[in-house]
């Protein structure tokens, strides 16, 4: 099953967890320092909350969680075939998970990732990742100025 991902920047992680648990009637699937995610069954949604990053209430990034690495590769091939610049990352450790993914930017700059989770992972706090379709940035860069998006 695929599901849309919405990653939001929040000022108060505990307050946001409480609110979204009530809104979607489901507890978070994962909570780590400065980070939480929800696997909402209905509507199918992966909600990511990231504390202390950019303006609270702003969009961090969007995504589509897919079932397999083959699905990620198929999306990359399809998008590249349509002329959309892509950035592929294999077995990257980001936001407490090992993932394969492809990134694209929408016309107005909204970052989208198509990804699959390979395994859970622990990582030091504050290590968020960023990538642009034109560069080969390393996931989980700890430099604050590059921590614009998390996966």
Protein backbone atom coordinates (compact mmCIF):
# COMPACT_ATOMS: atom_id res chain seq x y z
CA UNK A 1 0.00 0.00 0.00
CA UNK A 2 1.29 3.45 -0.90
CA UNK A 3 0.41 6.49 1.18
CA UNK A 4 1.05 10.21 0.97
CA UNK A 5 3.54 11.70 3.42
CA UNK A 6 3.22 15.16 4.95
CA UNK A 7 6.13 16.48 7.03
CA UNK A 8 5.42 19.54 9.17
CA UNK A 9 7.66 21.78 11.25
CA UNK A 10 6.28 22.21 14.78
CA UNK A 11 7.22 24.39 17.76
CA UNK A 12 5.91 22.06 20.49
CA UNK A 13 6.40 18.39 19.65
CA UNK A 14 4.43 17.09 22.66
CA UNK A 15 1.51 19.40 21.93
CA UNK A 16 1.54 18.42 18.25
CA UNK A 17 1.65 14.70 19.13
CA UNK A 18 -1.34 15.18 21.43
CA UNK A 19 -3.30 17.12 18.78
CA UNK A 20 -2.60 14.77 15.85
CA UNK A 21 -3.24 11.68 17.99
CA UNK A 22 -6.71 13.06 18.63
CA UNK A 23 -7.27 14.33 15.08
CA UNK A 24 -6.43 11.00 13.45
CA UNK A 25 -7.48 8.79 16.40
CA UNK A 26 -4.14 6.98 16.35
CA UNK A 27 -0.98 7.14 18.46
CA UNK A 28 2.40 7.95 16.92
CA UNK A 29 4.27 5.02 15.36
CA UNK A 30 7.67 6.45 16.32
CA UNK A 31 8.77 9.21 18.71
CA UNK A 32 12.38 10.35 19.04
CA UNK A 33 13.95 13.61 20.27
CA UNK A 34 12.56 16.37 18.05
CA UNK A 35 10.75 13.89 15.79
CA UNK A 36 7.55 11.87 15.60
CA UNK A 37 5.72 10.01 12.88
CA UNK A 38 2.24 8.64 12.53
CA UNK A 39 1.12 5.79 10.26
CA UNK A 40 -2.51 6.84 9.86
CA UNK A 41 -4.62 4.02 8.43
CA UNK A 42 -7.61 6.10 7.30
CA UNK A 43 -6.99 8.19 5.32
CA UNK A 44 -3.71 6.49 4.40
CA UNK A 45 -1.15 9.06 5.56
CA UNK A 46 2.39 9.13 6.91
CA UNK A 47 2.48 12.27 9.08
CA UNK A 48 5.93 13.46 10.16
CA UNK A 49 6.44 16.10 12.85
CA UNK A 50 9.81 17.85 13.12
CA UNK A 51 10.48 20.18 16.07
CA UNK A 52 12.68 23.25 16.01
CA UNK A 53 13.22 23.44 12.26
CA UNK A 54 12.11 26.48 10.24
CA UNK A 55 8.85 28.31 10.91
CA UNK A 56 6.41 26.34 13.13
CA UNK A 57 3.38 25.25 11.14
CA UNK A 58 5.25 25.38 7.86
CA UNK A 59 5.68 22.59 5.38
CA UNK A 60 8.91 20.64 5.77
CA UNK A 61 8.45 18.34 2.76
CA UNK A 62 6.01 15.99 1.06
CA UNK A 63 6.38 12.40 0.01
CA UNK A 64 4.91 9.11 -1.04
CA UNK A 65 5.84 6.02 0.93
CA UNK A 66 5.90 2.96 -1.33
CA UNK A 67 6.26 -0.74 -0.62
CA UNK A 68 9.66 -1.59 -2.12
CA UNK A 69 12.96 -0.46 -3.56
CA UNK A 70 11.66 -1.62 -6.94
CA UNK A 71 8.80 0.88 -6.60
CA UNK A 72 11.30 3.66 -5.83
CA UNK A 73 13.41 2.70 -8.86
CA UNK A 74 10.34 2.59 -11.10
CA UNK A 75 9.30 6.07 -9.93
CA UNK A 76 12.80 7.45 -10.57
CA UNK A 77 12.89 5.92 -14.04
CA UNK A 78 9.42 7.22 -14.90
CA UNK A 79 10.16 10.76 -13.62
CA UNK A 80 13.56 10.95 -15.31
CA UNK A 81 11.91 9.71 -18.51
CA UNK A 82 9.49 12.64 -18.26
CA UNK A 83 12.43 15.06 -17.93
CA UNK A 84 12.01 15.72 -14.20
CA UNK A 85 15.37 16.18 -12.42
CA UNK A 86 15.77 13.56 -9.69
CA UNK A 87 18.18 12.81 -6.85
CA UNK A 88 18.41 9.18 -5.77
CA UNK A 89 19.59 7.96 -2.38
CA UNK A 90 20.09 4.30 -1.52
CA UNK A 91 20.27 2.91 2.01
CA UNK A 92 20.44 6.35 3.63
CA UNK A 93 19.86 6.75 7.35
CA UNK A 94 17.48 9.63 7.86
CA UNK A 95 14.95 10.45 10.55
CA UNK A 96 15.40 7.20 12.43
CA UNK A 97 15.06 4.90 9.42
CA UNK A 98 17.16 3.37 6.65
CA UNK A 99 15.54 4.23 3.34
CA UNK A 100 15.87 4.07 -0.43
CA UNK A 101 14.41 7.18 -2.07
CA UNK A 102 14.23 9.55 -4.97
CA UNK A 103 13.73 13.32 -4.54
CA UNK A 104 12.11 15.81 -6.93
CA UNK A 105 11.10 19.44 -6.57
CA UNK A 106 7.71 20.74 -7.70
CA UNK A 107 7.63 23.88 -9.90
CA UNK A 108 7.23 26.15 -6.85
CA UNK A 109 10.04 24.38 -4.99
CA UNK A 110 8.10 22.00 -2.76
CA UNK A 111 10.36 19.00 -2.10
CA UNK A 112 8.81 15.57 -2.70
CA UNK A 113 10.37 12.23 -1.86
CA UNK A 114 9.27 8.79 -3.03
CA UNK A 115 10.71 6.31 -0.57
CA UNK A 116 10.59 2.94 1.10
CA UNK A 117 11.66 2.16 4.65
CA UNK A 118 14.19 -0.66 4.83
CA UNK A 119 14.72 -0.71 8.62
CA UNK A 120 14.50 1.36 11.78
CA UNK A 121 17.69 3.15 12.83
CA UNK A 122 18.90 5.26 15.70
CA UNK A 123 20.76 8.46 14.97
CA UNK A 124 22.10 11.47 16.86
CA UNK A 125 19.59 14.25 17.48
CA UNK A 126 19.59 17.22 15.15
CA UNK A 127 20.92 15.31 12.15
CA UNK A 128 18.42 16.14 9.46
CA UNK A 129 19.01 15.62 5.78
CA UNK A 130 18.63 17.67 2.67
CA UNK A 131 19.10 17.01 -1.01
CA UNK A 132 18.42 18.97 -4.15
CA UNK A 133 17.84 17.24 -7.49
CA UNK A 134 20.91 19.02 -8.87
CA UNK A 135 23.33 17.94 -6.11
CA UNK A 136 24.50 14.81 -4.41
CA UNK A 137 24.15 15.97 -0.80
CA UNK A 138 24.84 13.48 1.92
CA UNK A 139 21.87 12.44 3.98
CA UNK A 140 21.75 13.48 7.63
CA UNK A 141 24.09 16.45 7.25
CA UNK A 142 24.38 18.01 10.69
CA UNK A 143 24.99 21.55 9.43
CA UNK A 144 21.98 23.65 10.58
CA UNK A 145 21.78 25.62 7.35
CA UNK A 146 21.31 22.40 5.38
CA UNK A 147 18.75 20.88 7.72
CA UNK A 148 15.84 22.30 5.78
CA UNK A 149 14.10 18.98 5.21
CA UNK A 150 13.94 15.70 7.01
CA UNK A 151 12.80 12.36 5.78
